C-alpha atoms as a PDB file:
ATOM      1  CA  MET A   1      67.736  76.806  -9.192  1.00  0.00           C
ATOM      2  CA  THR A   2      70.788  75.162  -7.640  1.00  0.00           C
ATOM      3  CA  ASP A   3      73.941  77.307  -6.822  1.00  0.00           C
ATOM      4  CA  GLU A   4      75.999  75.200  -9.406  1.00  0.00           C
ATOM      5  CA  ARG A   5      73.363  75.773 -12.181  1.00  0.00           C
ATOM      6  CA  PHE A   6      73.106  79.468 -11.379  1.00  0.00           C
ATOM      7  CA  GLU A   7      77.007  79.797 -11.390  1.00  0.00           C
ATOM      8  CA  TRP A   8      77.255  77.904 -14.725  1.00  0.00           C
ATOM      9  CA  ILE A   9      74.593  80.028 -16.420  1.00  0.00           C
ATOM     10  CA  SER A  10      76.113  83.238 -14.974  1.00  0.00           C
ATOM     11  CA  LYS A  11      79.664  82.407 -16.267  1.00  0.00           C
ATOM     12  CA  ARG A  12      78.366  81.363 -19.684  1.00  0.00           C
ATOM     13  CA  ALA A  13      76.215  84.523 -19.886  1.00  0.00           C
ATOM     14  CA  TYR A  14      79.322  86.542 -19.192  1.00  0.00           C
ATOM     15  CA  ALA A  15      81.196  84.653 -21.832  1.00  0.00           C
ATOM     16  CA  ILE A  16      78.467  85.262 -24.412  1.00  0.00           C
ATOM     17  CA  TRP A  17      78.550  88.953 -23.499  1.00  0.00           C
ATOM     18  CA  GLU A  18      82.280  89.125 -23.990  1.00  0.00           C
ATOM     19  CA  ALA A  19      82.158  87.352 -27.186  1.00  0.00           C
ATOM     20  CA  THR A  20      79.454  89.626 -28.618  1.00  0.00           C
ATOM     21  CA  GLY A  21      81.538  92.728 -27.862  1.00  0.00           C
ATOM     22  CA  ARG A  22      80.246  93.592 -24.479  1.00  0.00           C
ATOM     23  CA  PRO A  23      77.201  95.421 -25.744  1.00  0.00           C
ATOM     24  CA  TRP A  24      75.160  97.487 -23.207  1.00  0.00           C
ATOM     25  CA  GLY A  25      71.620  96.556 -22.318  1.00  0.00           C
ATOM     26  CA  CYS A  26      71.603  92.953 -23.565  1.00  0.00           C
ATOM     27  CA  SER A  27      72.369  91.119 -20.376  1.00  0.00           C
ATOM     28  CA  HIS A  28      68.860  89.519 -20.288  1.00  0.00           C
ATOM     29  CA  LEU A  29      69.345  88.078 -23.801  1.00  0.00           C
ATOM     30  CA  HIS A  30      72.792  86.559 -22.864  1.00  0.00           C
ATOM     31  CA  TRP A  31      71.258  85.171 -19.637  1.00  0.00           C
ATOM     32  CA  GLU A  32      68.335  83.627 -21.597  1.00  0.00           C
ATOM     33  CA  GLN A  33      70.726  82.120 -24.137  1.00  0.00           C
ATOM     34  CA  ALA A  34      72.903  80.571 -21.471  1.00  0.00           C
ATOM     35  CA  ALA A  35      69.894  79.115 -19.547  1.00  0.00           C
ATOM     36  CA  ALA A  36      68.690  77.687 -22.804  1.00  0.00           C
ATOM     37  CA  GLU A  37      72.207  76.095 -23.354  1.00  0.00           C
ATOM     38  CA  ARG A  38      72.184  74.742 -19.916  1.00  0.00           C
ATOM     39  CA  GLU A  39      68.698  73.294 -20.344  1.00  0.00           C
ATOM     40  CA  ILE A  40      69.753  71.445 -23.670  1.00  0.00           C
ATOM     41  CA  MET A  41      72.923  70.236 -21.763  1.00  0.00           C
ATOM     42  CA  GLU A  42      70.844  68.878 -18.989  1.00  0.00           C
ATOM     43  CA  ARG A  43      68.241  67.289 -21.295  1.00  0.00           C
ATOM     44  CA  THR A  44      70.895  65.599 -23.381  1.00  0.00           C
ATOM     45  CA  ARG A  45      72.890  64.647 -20.217  1.00  0.00           C
ATOM     46  CA  ALA A  46      76.007  66.220 -21.738  1.00  0.00           C
ATOM     47  CA  SER A  47      78.815  66.994 -19.436  1.00  0.00           C
ATOM     48  CA  THR A  48      80.091  70.594 -19.074  1.00  0.00           C
ATOM     49  CA  ASP A  49      83.491  69.642 -20.384  1.00  0.00           C
ATOM     50  CA  GLY A  50      82.344  67.271 -23.187  1.00  0.00           C
ATOM     51  CA  GLU A  51      84.112  64.303 -21.588  1.00  0.00           C
ATOM     52  CA  ASP A  52      81.055  62.096 -22.065  1.00  0.00           C
ATOM     53  CA  VAL A  53      81.036  62.784 -25.808  1.00  0.00           C
ATOM     54  CA  LEU A  54      84.747  61.730 -25.990  1.00  0.00           C
ATOM     55  CA  ILE A  55      84.141  58.498 -24.051  1.00  0.00           C
ATOM     56  CA  ARG A  56      81.311  57.574 -26.456  1.00  0.00           C
ATOM     57  CA  LEU A  57      83.495  58.387 -29.438  1.00  0.00           C
ATOM     58  CA  ARG A  58      86.364  56.264 -28.154  1.00  0.00           C
ATOM     59  CA  ARG A  59      84.039  53.386 -27.575  1.00  0.00           C
ATOM     60  CA  LYS A  60      82.635  53.750 -31.118  1.00  0.00           C
ATOM     61  CA  VAL A  61      86.020  53.848 -32.580  1.00  0.00           C
ATOM     62  CA  ALA A  62      87.155  50.804 -30.545  1.00  0.00           C
ATOM     63  CA  THR A  63      84.118  48.925 -31.706  1.00  0.00           C
ATOM     64  CA  LEU A  64      84.638  49.726 -35.295  1.00  0.00           C
ATOM     65  CA  GLU A  65      88.312  48.786 -35.108  1.00  0.00           C
ATOM     66  CA  ALA A  66      87.356  45.445 -33.508  1.00  0.00           C
ATOM     67  CA  GLU A  67      84.688  44.774 -36.247  1.00  0.00           C
ATOM     68  CA  ASN A  68      87.313  45.690 -38.900  1.00  0.00           C
ATOM     69  CA  ASP A  69      89.893  43.356 -37.369  1.00  0.00           C
ATOM     70  CA  ALA A  70      87.299  40.507 -37.197  1.00  0.00           C
ATOM     71  CA  SER A  71      86.070  40.937 -40.760  1.00  0.00           C
ATOM     72  CA  PRO A  72      87.663  38.657 -43.619  1.00  0.00           C
ATOM     73  CA  LYS A  73      90.545  40.417 -45.444  1.00  0.00           C
ATOM     74  CA  ASP A  74      90.395  40.871 -49.141  1.00  0.00           C
ATOM     75  CA  ARG A  75      92.070  38.059 -50.698  1.00  0.00           C
ATOM     76  CA  ASN A  76      93.425  37.862 -54.243  1.00  0.00           C
ATOM     77  CA  VAL A  77      92.465  34.518 -55.712  1.00  0.00           C
ATOM     78  CA  GLY A  78      93.970  34.129 -59.079  1.00  0.00           C
END
């Protein structure tokens, strides 16, 4: 395990521990949850700050807007 990965899991496990009310004797569960989250993040290639998701969303919105601008406008023919 790399130092960066270990540090991320450690910080995430601590955050989970705090969010669950700092229960005693559950550190292994929090560590396992954090490790699983990191594995999912790595498998999906998500960034730790979510920036990659925002970039994809912005591209999709821009594409939809461009398609919308290029489509024929409704015309009232009477």
